[in-house]
Amino acid sequence: MLEETELAVGGAEMREEHSALNKLGEDLRTLQSQYENREKNIEETAGKVQSLQKEYDRYQDHKTAIDKLKIMKQKKLWLEYNERKTDFEKAKAISVDKKKELQVGLPARYQMLFC
């Protein structure tokens, strides 16, 4: 009945304009709905990115700690080697000193045994 009234009062042009307005209104609602859906999707994606960033940061911290641990193990081996080398050099020096002490009190014919 509204269409008949539009046709009677305003003619075909008014009816076409009203139809176009109705279509634009529907298009606007559709676009607003799409916009809201995309906004929601962006918020969800941002939350996921933030969560993944935290997970990535934890992974990087873990990887850094493991790398540091490997380096520390290598340093430990190197320190143990140096400690044993120092102990050996001290023992060798003591041995040389003891040989010299023994040579001082021995007759010349026995001193050749300690060379």
PDB file of N, CA and C in Angstrom:
ATOM      1  N   MET A   1       0.822  -1.187   0.000  1.00  0.00           N
ATOM      2  CA  MET A   1       0.000   0.000   0.000  1.00  0.00           C
ATOM      3  C   MET A   1       0.870   1.257   0.000  1.00  0.00           C
ATOM      4  N   LEU A   2       2.012   1.204   0.699  1.00  0.00           N
ATOM      5  CA  LEU A   2       2.928   2.339   0.703  1.00  0.00           C
ATOM      6  C   LEU A   2       3.456   2.595  -0.694  1.00  0.00           C
ATOM      7  N   GLU A   3       3.730   1.552  -1.409  1.00  0.00           N
ATOM      8  CA  GLU A   3       4.223   1.701  -2.774  1.00  0.00           C
ATOM      9  C   GLU A   3       3.184   2.388  -3.662  1.00  0.00           C
ATOM     10  N   GLU A   4       1.914   2.038  -3.490  1.00  0.00           N
ATOM     11  CA  GLU A   4       0.837   2.654  -4.270  1.00  0.00           C
ATOM     12  C   GLU A   4       0.717   4.132  -3.926  1.00  0.00           C
ATOM     13  N   THR A   5       0.878   4.462  -2.626  1.00  0.00           N
ATOM     14  CA  THR A   5       0.796   5.853  -2.203  1.00  0.00           C
ATOM     15  C   THR A   5       1.959   6.637  -2.787  1.00  0.00           C
ATOM     16  N   GLU A   6       3.158   6.074  -2.722  1.00  0.00           N
ATOM     17  CA  GLU A   6       4.330   6.725  -3.306  1.00  0.00           C
ATOM     18  C   GLU A   6       4.123   6.977  -4.790  1.00  0.00           C
ATOM     19  N   LEU A   7       3.596   5.971  -5.483  1.00  0.00           N
ATOM     20  CA  LEU A   7       3.367   6.089  -6.913  1.00  0.00           C
ATOM     21  C   LEU A   7       2.328   7.180  -7.217  1.00  0.00           C
ATOM     22  N   ALA A   8       1.294   7.253  -6.379  1.00  0.00           N
ATOM     23  CA  ALA A   8       0.235   8.230  -6.609  1.00  0.00           C
ATOM     24  C   ALA A   8       0.717   9.636  -6.286  1.00  0.00           C
ATOM     25  N   VAL A   9       1.474   9.807  -5.188  1.00  0.00           N
ATOM     26  CA  VAL A   9       1.870  11.143  -4.746  1.00  0.00           C
ATOM     27  C   VAL A   9       3.088  11.647  -5.514  1.00  0.00           C
ATOM     28  N   GLY A  10       4.132  10.819  -5.586  1.00  0.00           N
ATOM     29  CA  GLY A  10       5.384  11.319  -6.144  1.00  0.00           C
ATOM     30  C   GLY A  10       5.722  10.760  -7.502  1.00  0.00           C
ATOM     31  N   GLY A  11       5.052   9.826  -7.931  1.00  0.00           N
ATOM     32  CA  GLY A  11       5.341   9.253  -9.227  1.00  0.00           C
ATOM     33  C   GLY A  11       6.415   8.170  -9.138  1.00  0.00           C
ATOM     34  N   ALA A  12       6.833   7.742 -10.289  1.00  0.00           N
ATOM     35  CA  ALA A  12       7.812   6.649 -10.390  1.00  0.00           C
ATOM     36  C   ALA A  12       9.173   7.056  -9.852  1.00  0.00           C
ATOM     37  N   GLU A  13       9.505   8.322 -10.017  1.00  0.00           N
ATOM     38  CA  GLU A  13      10.814   8.799  -9.548  1.00  0.00           C
ATOM     39  C   GLU A  13      10.928   8.683  -8.033  1.00  0.00           C
ATOM     40  N   MET A  14       9.893   9.058  -7.300  1.00  0.00           N
ATOM     41  CA  MET A  14       9.899   8.959  -5.839  1.00  0.00           C
ATOM     42  C   MET A  14       9.983   7.501  -5.424  1.00  0.00           C
ATOM     43  N   ARG A  15       9.294   6.650  -6.134  1.00  0.00           N
ATOM     44  CA  ARG A  15       9.318   5.216  -5.814  1.00  0.00           C
ATOM     45  C   ARG A  15      10.734   4.651  -6.019  1.00  0.00           C
ATOM     46  N   GLU A  16      11.408   5.041  -7.087  1.00  0.00           N
ATOM     47  CA  GLU A  16      12.774   4.578  -7.360  1.00  0.00           C
ATOM     48  C   GLU A  16      13.739   5.094  -6.304  1.00  0.00           C
ATOM     49  N   GLU A  17      13.584   6.368  -5.906  1.00  0.00           N
ATOM     50  CA  GLU A  17      14.447   6.940  -4.875  1.00  0.00           C
ATOM     51  C   GLU A  17      14.234   6.219  -3.541  1.00  0.00           C
ATOM     52  N   HIS A  18      13.011   5.922  -3.203  1.00  0.00           N
ATOM     53  CA  HIS A  18      12.723   5.199  -1.960  1.00  0.00           C
ATOM     54  C   HIS A  18      13.330   3.799  -2.012  1.00  0.00           C
ATOM     55  N   SER A  19      13.207   3.166  -3.147  1.00  0.00           N
ATOM     56  CA  SER A  19      13.787   1.834  -3.316  1.00  0.00           C
ATOM     57  C   SER A  19      15.313   1.894  -3.193  1.00  0.00           C
ATOM     58  N   ALA A  20      15.903   2.928  -3.796  1.00  0.00           N
ATOM     59  CA  ALA A  20      17.354   3.107  -3.707  1.00  0.00           C
ATOM     60  C   ALA A  20      17.769   3.372  -2.264  1.00  0.00           C
ATOM     61  N   LEU A  21      17.011   4.192  -1.530  1.00  0.00           N
ATOM     62  CA  LEU A  21      17.306   4.445  -0.117  1.00  0.00           C
ATOM     63  C   LEU A  21      17.227   3.161   0.706  1.00  0.00           C
ATOM     64  N   ASN A  22      16.199   2.360   0.431  1.00  0.00           N
ATOM     65  CA  ASN A  22      16.082   1.080   1.144  1.00  0.00           C
ATOM     66  C   ASN A  22      17.295   0.188   0.868  1.00  0.00           C
ATOM     67  N   LYS A  23      17.727   0.141  -0.381  1.00  0.00           N
ATOM     68  CA  LYS A  23      18.896  -0.685  -0.742  1.00  0.00           C
ATOM     69  C   LYS A  23      20.148  -0.150  -0.065  1.00  0.00           C
ATOM     70  N   LEU A  24      20.312   1.189  -0.068  1.00  0.00           N
ATOM     71  CA  LEU A  24      21.469   1.793   0.601  1.00  0.00           C
ATOM     72  C   LEU A  24      21.453   1.496   2.105  1.00  0.00           C
ATOM     73  N   GLY A  25      20.264   1.517   2.706  1.00  0.00           N
ATOM     74  CA  GLY A  25      20.140   1.189   4.131  1.00  0.00           C
ATOM     75  C   GLY A  25      20.574  -0.253   4.399  1.00  0.00           C
ATOM     76  N   GLU A  26      20.135  -1.157   3.533  1.00  0.00           N
ATOM     77  CA  GLU A  26      20.548  -2.564   3.680  1.00  0.00           C
ATOM     78  C   GLU A  26      22.058  -2.708   3.497  1.00  0.00           C
ATOM     79  N   ASP A  27      22.599  -2.008   2.475  1.00  0.00           N
ATOM     80  CA  ASP A  27      24.049  -2.048   2.244  1.00  0.00           C
ATOM     81  C   ASP A  27      24.807  -1.499   3.453  1.00  0.00           C
ATOM     82  N   LEU A  28      24.297  -0.409   4.034  1.00  0.00           N
ATOM     83  CA  LEU A  28      24.931   0.182   5.209  1.00  0.00           C
ATOM     84  C   LEU A  28      24.944  -0.805   6.373  1.00  0.00           C
ATOM     85  N   ARG A  29      23.813  -1.462   6.630  1.00  0.00           N
ATOM     86  CA  ARG A  29      23.756  -2.456   7.716  1.00  0.00           C
ATOM     87  C   ARG A  29      24.729  -3.605   7.454  1.00  0.00           C
ATOM     88  N   THR A  30      24.807  -4.024   6.197  1.00  0.00           N
ATOM     89  CA  THR A  30      25.741  -5.104   5.842  1.00  0.00           C
ATOM     90  C   THR A  30      27.182  -4.667   6.085  1.00  0.00           C
ATOM     91  N   LEU A  31      27.506  -3.462   5.638  1.00  0.00           N
ATOM     92  CA  LEU A  31      28.868  -2.948   5.838  1.00  0.00           C
ATOM     93  C   LEU A  31      29.193  -2.760   7.321  1.00  0.00           C
ATOM     94  N   GLN A  32      28.213  -2.275   8.095  1.00  0.00           N
ATOM     95  CA  GLN A  32      28.440  -2.118   9.532  1.00  0.00           C
ATOM     96  C   GLN A  32      28.672  -3.475  10.189  1.00  0.00           C
ATOM     97  N   SER A  33      27.931  -4.464   9.762  1.00  0.00           N
ATOM     98  CA  SER A  33      28.099  -5.816  10.296  1.00  0.00           C
ATOM     99  C   SER A  33      29.481  -6.360   9.940  1.00  0.00           C
ATOM    100  N   GLN A  34      29.892  -6.159   8.687  1.00  0.00           N
ATOM    101  CA  GLN A  34      31.224  -6.609   8.262  1.00  0.00           C
ATOM    102  C   GLN A  34      32.316  -5.880   9.042  1.00  0.00           C
ATOM    103  N   TYR A  35      32.105  -4.574   9.245  1.00  0.00           N
ATOM    104  CA  TYR A  35      33.070  -3.781  10.001  1.00  0.00           C
ATOM    105  C   TYR A  35      33.210  -4.308  11.430  1.00  0.00           C
ATOM    106  N   GLU A  36      32.078  -4.562  12.076  1.00  0.00           N
ATOM    107  CA  GLU A  36      32.104  -5.069  13.454  1.00  0.00           C
ATOM    108  C   GLU A  36      32.778  -6.438  13.509  1.00  0.00           C
ATOM    109  N   ASN A  37      32.484  -7.295  12.533  1.00  0.00           N
ATOM    110  CA  ASN A  37      33.117  -8.620  12.491  1.00  0.00           C
ATOM    111  C   ASN A  37      34.629  -8.496  12.313  1.00  0.00           C
ATOM    112  N   ARG A  38      35.032  -7.579  11.443  1.00  0.00           N
ATOM    113  CA  ARG A  38      36.475  -7.394  11.220  1.00  0.00           C
ATOM    114  C   ARG A  38      37.152  -6.793  12.445  1.00  0.00           C
ATOM    115  N   GLU A  39      36.494  -5.866  13.111  1.00  0.00           N
ATOM    116  CA  GLU A  39      37.029  -5.302  14.356  1.00  0.00           C
ATOM    117  C   GLU A  39      37.230  -6.408  15.394  1.00  0.00           C
ATOM    118  N   LYS A  40      36.230  -7.263  15.522  1.00  0.00           N
ATOM    119  CA  LYS A  40      36.311  -8.374  16.469  1.00  0.00           C
ATOM    120  C   LYS A  40      37.453  -9.308  16.079  1.00  0.00           C
ATOM    121  N   ASN A  41      37.583  -9.582  14.789  1.00  0.00           N
ATOM    122  CA  ASN A  41      38.652 -10.445  14.298  1.00  0.00           C
ATOM    123  C   ASN A  41      40.021  -9.827  14.578  1.00  0.00           C
ATOM    124  N   ILE A  42      40.143  -8.524  14.389  1.00  0.00           N
ATOM    125  CA  ILE A  42      41.405  -7.832  14.661  1.00  0.00           C
ATOM    126  C   ILE A  42      41.752  -7.932  16.144  1.00  0.00           C
ATOM    127  N   GLU A  43      40.774  -7.733  17.013  1.00  0.00           N
ATOM    128  CA  GLU A  43      41.013  -7.830  18.457  1.00  0.00           C
ATOM    129  C   GLU A  43      41.455  -9.239  18.842  1.00  0.00           C
ATOM    130  N   GLU A  44      40.798 -10.251  18.284  1.00  0.00           N
ATOM    131  CA  GLU A  44      41.168 -11.641  18.566  1.00  0.00           C
ATOM    132  C   GLU A  44      42.567 -11.935  18.071  1.00  0.00           C
ATOM    133  N   THR A  45      42.883 -11.463  16.869  1.00  0.00           N
ATOM    134  CA  THR A  45      44.206 -11.683  16.301  1.00  0.00           C
ATOM    135  C   THR A  45      45.271 -10.971  17.128  1.00  0.00           C
ATOM    136  N   ALA A  46      44.970  -9.756  17.581  1.00  0.00           N
ATOM    137  CA  ALA A  46      45.919  -9.013  18.423  1.00  0.00           C
ATOM    138  C   ALA A  46      46.172  -9.777  19.725  1.00  0.00           C
ATOM    139  N   GLY A  47      45.128 -10.356  20.298  1.00  0.00           N
ATOM    140  CA  GLY A  47      45.297 -11.163  21.516  1.00  0.00           C
ATOM    141  C   GLY A  47      46.161 -12.376  21.260  1.00  0.00           C
ATOM    142  N   LYS A  48      45.950 -13.029  20.124  1.00  0.00           N
ATOM    143  CA  LYS A  48      46.765 -14.194  19.769  1.00  0.00           C
ATOM    144  C   LYS A  48      48.218 -13.792  19.558  1.00  0.00           C
ATOM    145  N   VAL A  49      48.427 -12.667  18.885  1.00  0.00           N
ATOM    146  CA  VAL A  49      49.791 -12.186  18.644  1.00  0.00           C
ATOM    147  C   VAL A  49      50.480 -11.893  19.965  1.00  0.00           C
ATOM    148  N   GLN A  50      49.764 -11.265  20.872  1.00  0.00           N
ATOM    149  CA  GLN A  50      50.345 -10.945  22.183  1.00  0.00           C
ATOM    150  C   GLN A  50      50.706 -12.233  22.926  1.00  0.00           C
ATOM    151  N   SER A  51      49.827 -13.204  22.875  1.00  0.00           N
ATOM    152  CA  SER A  51      50.098 -14.480  23.529  1.00  0.00           C
ATOM    153  C   SER A  51      51.301 -15.172  22.891  1.00  0.00           C
ATOM    154  N   LEU A  52      51.352 -15.157  21.569  1.00  0.00           N
ATOM    155  CA  LEU A  52      52.476 -15.774  20.867  1.00  0.00           C
ATOM    156  C   LEU A  52      53.779 -15.021  21.136  1.00  0.00           C
ATOM    157  N   GLN A  53      53.689 -13.705  21.293  1.00  0.00           N
ATOM    158  CA  GLN A  53      54.885 -12.922  21.591  1.00  0.00           C
ATOM    159  C   GLN A  53      55.446 -13.312  22.952  1.00  0.00           C
ATOM    160  N   LYS A  54      54.561 -13.506  23.925  1.00  0.00           N
ATOM    161  CA  LYS A  54      55.007 -13.937  25.254  1.00  0.00           C
ATOM    162  C   LYS A  54      55.661 -15.309  25.168  1.00  0.00           C
ATOM    163  N   GLU A  55      55.048 -16.203  24.402  1.00  0.00           N
ATOM    164  CA  GLU A  55      55.602 -17.548  24.237  1.00  0.00           C
ATOM    165  C   GLU A  55      56.964 -17.469  23.539  1.00  0.00           C
ATOM    166  N   TYR A  56      57.070 -16.616  22.527  1.00  0.00           N
ATOM    167  CA  TYR A  56      58.333 -16.445  21.811  1.00  0.00           C
ATOM    168  C   TYR A  56      59.407 -15.894  22.749  1.00  0.00           C
ATOM    169  N   ASP A  57      59.047 -14.918  23.576  1.00  0.00           N
ATOM    170  CA  ASP A  57      59.997 -14.352  24.527  1.00  0.00           C
ATOM    171  C   ASP A  57      60.486 -15.416  25.511  1.00  0.00           C
ATOM    172  N   ARG A  58      59.553 -16.260  25.995  1.00  0.00           N
ATOM    173  CA  ARG A  58      59.950 -17.352  26.900  1.00  0.00           C
ATOM    174  C   ARG A  58      60.906 -18.309  26.183  1.00  0.00           C
ATOM    175  N   TYR A  59      60.609 -18.610  24.933  1.00  0.00           N
ATOM    176  CA  TYR A  59      61.472 -19.503  24.150  1.00  0.00           C
ATOM    177  C   TYR A  59      62.862 -18.893  24.000  1.00  0.00           C
ATOM    178  N   GLN A  60      62.932 -17.602  23.685  1.00  0.00           N
ATOM    179  CA  GLN A  60      64.227 -16.944  23.525  1.00  0.00           C
ATOM    180  C   GLN A  60      65.005 -16.947  24.845  1.00  0.00           C
ATOM    181  N   ASP A  61      64.322 -16.691  25.956  1.00  0.00           N
ATOM    182  CA  ASP A  61      64.978 -16.735  27.266  1.00  0.00           C
ATOM    183  C   ASP A  61      65.520 -18.133  27.538  1.00  0.00           C
ATOM    184  N   HIS A  62      64.715 -19.149  27.223  1.00  0.00           N
ATOM    185  CA  HIS A  62      65.131 -20.539  27.434  1.00  0.00           C
ATOM    186  C   HIS A  62      66.345 -20.868  26.562  1.00  0.00           C
ATOM    187  N   LYS A  63      66.292 -20.466  25.308  1.00  0.00           N
ATOM    188  CA  LYS A  63      67.395 -20.731  24.379  1.00  0.00           C
ATOM    189  C   LYS A  63      68.665 -20.027  24.854  1.00  0.00           C
ATOM    190  N   THR A  64      68.540 -18.798  25.306  1.00  0.00           N
ATOM    191  CA  THR A  64      69.686 -18.046  25.812  1.00  0.00           C
ATOM    192  C   THR A  64      70.282 -18.746  27.034  1.00  0.00           C
ATOM    193  N   ALA A  65      69.424 -19.219  27.917  1.00  0.00           N
ATOM    194  CA  ALA A  65      69.907 -19.919  29.114  1.00  0.00           C
ATOM    195  C   ALA A  65      70.628 -21.210  28.730  1.00  0.00           C
ATOM    196  N   ILE A  66      70.105 -21.944  27.762  1.00  0.00           N
ATOM    197  CA  ILE A  66      70.758 -23.184  27.323  1.00  0.00           C
ATOM    198  C   ILE A  66      72.111 -22.875  26.691  1.00  0.00           C
ATOM    199  N   ASP A  67      72.178 -21.856  25.863  1.00  0.00           N
ATOM    200  CA  ASP A  67      73.448 -21.464  25.242  1.00  0.00           C
ATOM    201  C   ASP A  67      74.466 -21.065  26.304  1.00  0.00           C
ATOM    202  N   LYS A  68      74.001 -20.322  27.301  1.00  0.00           N
ATOM    203  CA  LYS A  68      74.884 -19.898  28.392  1.00  0.00           C
ATOM    204  C   LYS A  68      75.377 -21.116  29.183  1.00  0.00           C
ATOM    205  N   LEU A  69      74.482 -22.083  29.389  1.00  0.00           N
ATOM    206  CA  LEU A  69      74.850 -23.299  30.104  1.00  0.00           C
ATOM    207  C   LEU A  69      75.923 -24.075  29.342  1.00  0.00           C
ATOM    208  N   LYS A  70      75.791 -24.171  28.027  1.00  0.00           N
ATOM    209  CA  LYS A  70      76.800 -24.856  27.208  1.00  0.00           C
ATOM    210  C   LYS A  70      78.158 -24.183  27.342  1.00  0.00           C
ATOM    211  N   ILE A  71      78.147 -22.855  27.297  1.00  0.00           N
ATOM    212  CA  ILE A  71      79.408 -22.109  27.432  1.00  0.00           C
ATOM    213  C   ILE A  71      80.017 -22.341  28.810  1.00  0.00           C
ATOM    214  N   MET A  72      79.178 -22.339  29.831  1.00  0.00           N
ATOM    215  CA  MET A  72      79.675 -22.560  31.194  1.00  0.00           C
ATOM    216  C   MET A  72      80.276 -23.964  31.346  1.00  0.00           C
ATOM    217  N   LYS A  73      79.653 -24.956  30.719  1.00  0.00           N
ATOM    218  CA  LYS A  73      80.204 -26.319  30.775  1.00  0.00           C
ATOM    219  C   LYS A  73      81.564 -26.364  30.106  1.00  0.00           C
ATOM    220  N   GLN A  74      81.706 -25.669  28.984  1.00  0.00           N
ATOM    221  CA  GLN A  74      82.992 -25.638  28.298  1.00  0.00           C
ATOM    222  C   GLN A  74      84.032 -24.923  29.161  1.00  0.00           C
ATOM    223  N   LYS A  75      83.640 -23.834  29.786  1.00  0.00           N
ATOM    224  CA  LYS A  75      84.556 -23.112  30.662  1.00  0.00           C
ATOM    225  C   LYS A  75      84.959 -23.975  31.851  1.00  0.00           C
ATOM    226  N   LYS A  76      84.017 -24.753  32.352  1.00  0.00           N
ATOM    227  CA  LYS A  76      84.306 -25.635  33.491  1.00  0.00           C
ATOM    228  C   LYS A  76      85.390 -26.646  33.106  1.00  0.00           C
ATOM    229  N   LEU A  77      85.235 -27.253  31.938  1.00  0.00           N
ATOM    230  CA  LEU A  77      86.243 -28.212  31.471  1.00  0.00           C
ATOM    231  C   LEU A  77      87.610 -27.537  31.324  1.00  0.00           C
ATOM    232  N   TRP A  78      87.614 -26.334  30.782  1.00  0.00           N
ATOM    233  CA  TRP A  78      88.859 -25.601  30.607  1.00  0.00           C
ATOM    234  C   TRP A  78      89.485 -25.278  31.963  1.00  0.00           C
ATOM    235  N   LEU A  79      88.653 -24.862  32.927  1.00  0.00           N
ATOM    236  CA  LEU A  79      89.169 -24.568  34.274  1.00  0.00           C
ATOM    237  C   LEU A  79      89.713 -25.822  34.953  1.00  0.00           C
ATOM    238  N   GLU A  80      89.020 -26.952  34.786  1.00  0.00           N
ATOM    239  CA  GLU A  80      89.511 -28.204  35.363  1.00  0.00           C
ATOM    240  C   GLU A  80      90.849 -28.591  34.742  1.00  0.00           C
ATOM    241  N   TYR A  81      90.975 -28.411  33.436  1.00  0.00           N
ATOM    242  CA  TYR A  81      92.240 -28.717  32.764  1.00  0.00           C
ATOM    243  C   TYR A  81      93.358 -27.845  33.325  1.00  0.00           C
ATOM    244  N   ASN A  82      93.106 -26.536  33.436  1.00  0.00           N
ATOM    245  CA  ASN A  82      94.133 -25.626  33.961  1.00  0.00           C
ATOM    246  C   ASN A  82      94.497 -25.962  35.404  1.00  0.00           C
ATOM    247  N   GLU A  83      93.501 -26.356  36.185  1.00  0.00           N
ATOM    248  CA  GLU A  83      93.763 -26.716  37.582  1.00  0.00           C
ATOM    249  C   GLU A  83      94.658 -27.961  37.652  1.00  0.00           C
ATOM    250  N   ARG A  84      94.344 -28.937  36.847  1.00  0.00           N
ATOM    251  CA  ARG A  84      95.163 -30.162  36.837  1.00  0.00           C
ATOM    252  C   ARG A  84      96.564 -29.885  36.291  1.00  0.00           C
ATOM    253  N   LYS A  85      96.636 -29.012  35.296  1.00  0.00           N
ATOM    254  CA  LYS A  85      97.941 -28.643  34.741  1.00  0.00           C
ATOM    255  C   LYS A  85      98.782 -27.953  35.810  1.00  0.00           C
ATOM    256  N   THR A  86      98.171 -27.053  36.564  1.00  0.00           N
ATOM    257  CA  THR A  86      98.870 -26.354  37.652  1.00  0.00           C
ATOM    258  C   THR A  86      99.313 -27.343  38.724  1.00  0.00           C
ATOM    259  N   ASP A  87      98.434 -28.277  39.081  1.00  0.00           N
ATOM    260  CA  ASP A  87      98.790 -29.305  40.072  1.00  0.00           C
ATOM    261  C   ASP A  87      99.960 -30.140  39.583  1.00  0.00           C
ATOM    262  N   PHE A  88      99.940 -30.509  38.301  1.00  0.00           N
ATOM    263  CA  PHE A  88     101.031 -31.293  37.730  1.00  0.00           C
ATOM    264  C   PHE A  88     102.342 -30.512  37.772  1.00  0.00           C
ATOM    265  N   GLU A  89     102.285 -29.231  37.406  1.00  0.00           N
ATOM    266  CA  GLU A  89     103.504 -28.412  37.413  1.00  0.00           C
ATOM    267  C   GLU A  89     104.056 -28.253  38.828  1.00  0.00           C
ATOM    268  N   LYS A  90     103.161 -28.108  39.810  1.00  0.00           N
ATOM    269  CA  LYS A  90     103.605 -28.019  41.203  1.00  0.00           C
ATOM    270  C   LYS A  90     104.261 -29.332  41.636  1.00  0.00           C
ATOM    271  N   ALA A  91     103.617 -30.456  41.290  1.00  0.00           N
ATOM    272  CA  ALA A  91     104.159 -31.767  41.648  1.00  0.00           C
ATOM    273  C   ALA A  91     105.505 -31.994  40.964  1.00  0.00           C
ATOM    274  N   LYS A  92     105.636 -31.555  39.721  1.00  0.00           N
ATOM    275  CA  LYS A  92     106.893 -31.708  38.987  1.00  0.00           C
ATOM    276  C   LYS A  92     107.986 -30.871  39.645  1.00  0.00           C
ATOM    277  N   ALA A  93     107.636 -29.643  40.067  1.00  0.00           N
ATOM    278  CA  ALA A  93     108.613 -28.778  40.735  1.00  0.00           C
ATOM    279  C   ALA A  93     109.046 -29.393  42.063  1.00  0.00           C
ATOM    280  N   ILE A  94     108.111 -29.955  42.798  1.00  0.00           N
ATOM    281  CA  ILE A  94     108.443 -30.619  44.069  1.00  0.00           C
ATOM    282  C   ILE A  94     109.358 -31.809  43.805  1.00  0.00           C
ATOM    283  N   SER A  95     109.058 -32.555  42.749  1.00  0.00           N
ATOM    284  CA  SER A  95     109.875 -33.711  42.396  1.00  0.00           C
ATOM    285  C   SER A  95     111.301 -33.292  42.051  1.00  0.00           C
ATOM    286  N   VAL A  96     111.443 -32.232  41.294  1.00  0.00           N
ATOM    287  CA  VAL A  96     112.771 -31.731  40.930  1.00  0.00           C
ATOM    288  C   VAL A  96     113.507 -31.289  42.187  1.00  0.00           C
ATOM    289  N   ASP A  97     112.813 -30.596  43.085  1.00  0.00           N
ATOM    290  CA  ASP A  97     113.433 -30.144  44.331  1.00  0.00           C
ATOM    291  C   ASP A  97     113.900 -31.334  45.173  1.00  0.00           C
ATOM    292  N   LYS A  98     113.062 -32.357  45.244  1.00  0.00           N
ATOM    293  CA  LYS A  98     113.416 -33.543  46.039  1.00  0.00           C
ATOM    294  C   LYS A  98     114.618 -34.250  45.426  1.00  0.00           C
ATOM    295  N   LYS A  99     114.678 -34.331  44.102  1.00  0.00           N
ATOM    296  CA  LYS A  99     115.820 -34.951  43.433  1.00  0.00           C
ATOM    297  C   LYS A  99     117.093 -34.188  43.748  1.00  0.00           C
ATOM    298  N   LYS A 100     116.999 -32.859  43.736  1.00  0.00           N
ATOM    299  CA  LYS A 100     118.174 -32.029  44.044  1.00  0.00           C
ATOM    300  C   LYS A 100     118.621 -32.245  45.483  1.00  0.00           C
ATOM    301  N   GLU A 101     117.655 -32.350  46.403  1.00  0.00           N
ATOM    302  CA  GLU A 101     117.993 -32.589  47.811  1.00  0.00           C
ATOM    303  C   GLU A 101     118.706 -33.928  47.969  1.00  0.00           C
ATOM    304  N   LEU A 102     118.209 -34.924  47.275  1.00  0.00           N
ATOM    305  CA  LEU A 102     118.831 -36.242  47.358  1.00  0.00           C
ATOM    306  C   LEU A 102     120.212 -36.256  46.732  1.00  0.00           C
ATOM    307  N   GLN A 103     120.411 -35.513  45.648  1.00  0.00           N
ATOM    308  CA  GLN A 103     121.704 -35.485  44.970  1.00  0.00           C
ATOM    309  C   GLN A 103     122.769 -34.811  45.817  1.00  0.00           C
ATOM    310  N   VAL A 104     122.384 -33.836  46.625  1.00  0.00           N
ATOM    311  CA  VAL A 104     123.350 -33.096  47.438  1.00  0.00           C
ATOM    312  C   VAL A 104     124.028 -34.033  48.440  1.00  0.00           C
ATOM    313  N   GLY A 105     123.282 -34.898  49.025  1.00  0.00           N
ATOM    314  CA  GLY A 105     123.852 -35.754  50.065  1.00  0.00           C
ATOM    315  C   GLY A 105     124.448 -37.053  49.546  1.00  0.00           C
ATOM    316  N   LEU A 106     124.379 -37.340  48.268  1.00  0.00           N
ATOM    317  CA  LEU A 106     124.877 -38.591  47.716  1.00  0.00           C
ATOM    318  C   LEU A 106     126.285 -38.424  47.145  1.00  0.00           C
ATOM    319  N   PRO A 107     127.010 -39.504  47.145  1.00  0.00           N
ATOM    320  CA  PRO A 107     128.321 -39.462  46.498  1.00  0.00           C
ATOM    321  C   PRO A 107     128.141 -39.261  44.986  1.00  0.00           C
ATOM    322  N   ALA A 108     129.142 -38.831  44.320  1.00  0.00           N
ATOM    323  CA  ALA A 108     129.107 -38.491  42.900  1.00  0.00           C
ATOM    324  C   ALA A 108     128.702 -39.679  42.040  1.00  0.00           C
ATOM    325  N   ARG A 109     129.084 -40.870  42.388  1.00  0.00           N
ATOM    326  CA  ARG A 109     128.777 -42.033  41.556  1.00  0.00           C
ATOM    327  C   ARG A 109     127.281 -42.366  41.541  1.00  0.00           C
ATOM    328  N   TYR A 110     126.550 -41.961  42.594  1.00  0.00           N
ATOM    329  CA  TYR A 110     125.107 -42.224  42.636  1.00  0.00           C
ATOM    330  C   TYR A 110     124.248 -41.082  42.056  1.00  0.00           C
ATOM    331  N   GLN A 111     124.858 -39.909  41.923  1.00  0.00           N
ATOM    332  CA  GLN A 111     124.119 -38.746  41.437  1.00  0.00           C
ATOM    333  C   GLN A 111     123.637 -38.929  39.997  1.00  0.00           C
ATOM    334  N   MET A 112     124.334 -39.721  39.220  1.00  0.00           N
ATOM    335  CA  MET A 112     123.956 -39.920  37.828  1.00  0.00           C
ATOM    336  C   MET A 112     122.620 -40.688  37.714  1.00  0.00           C
ATOM    337  N   LEU A 113     122.207 -41.346  38.741  1.00  0.00           N
ATOM    338  CA  LEU A 113     120.941 -42.071  38.716  1.00  0.00           C
ATOM    339  C   LEU A 113     119.729 -41.148  38.670  1.00  0.00           C
ATOM    340  N   PHE A 114     119.884 -39.918  39.111  1.00  0.00           N
ATOM    341  CA  PHE A 114     118.761 -38.975  39.212  1.00  0.00           C
ATOM    342  C   PHE A 114     118.658 -38.023  38.026  1.00  0.00           C
ATOM    343  N   CYS A 115     119.493 -38.194  37.042  1.00  0.00           N
ATOM    344  CA  CYS A 115     119.428 -37.296  35.881  1.00  0.00           C
ATOM    345  C   CYS A 115     118.389 -37.702  34.884  1.00  0.00           C
TER     346      CYS A 115
END
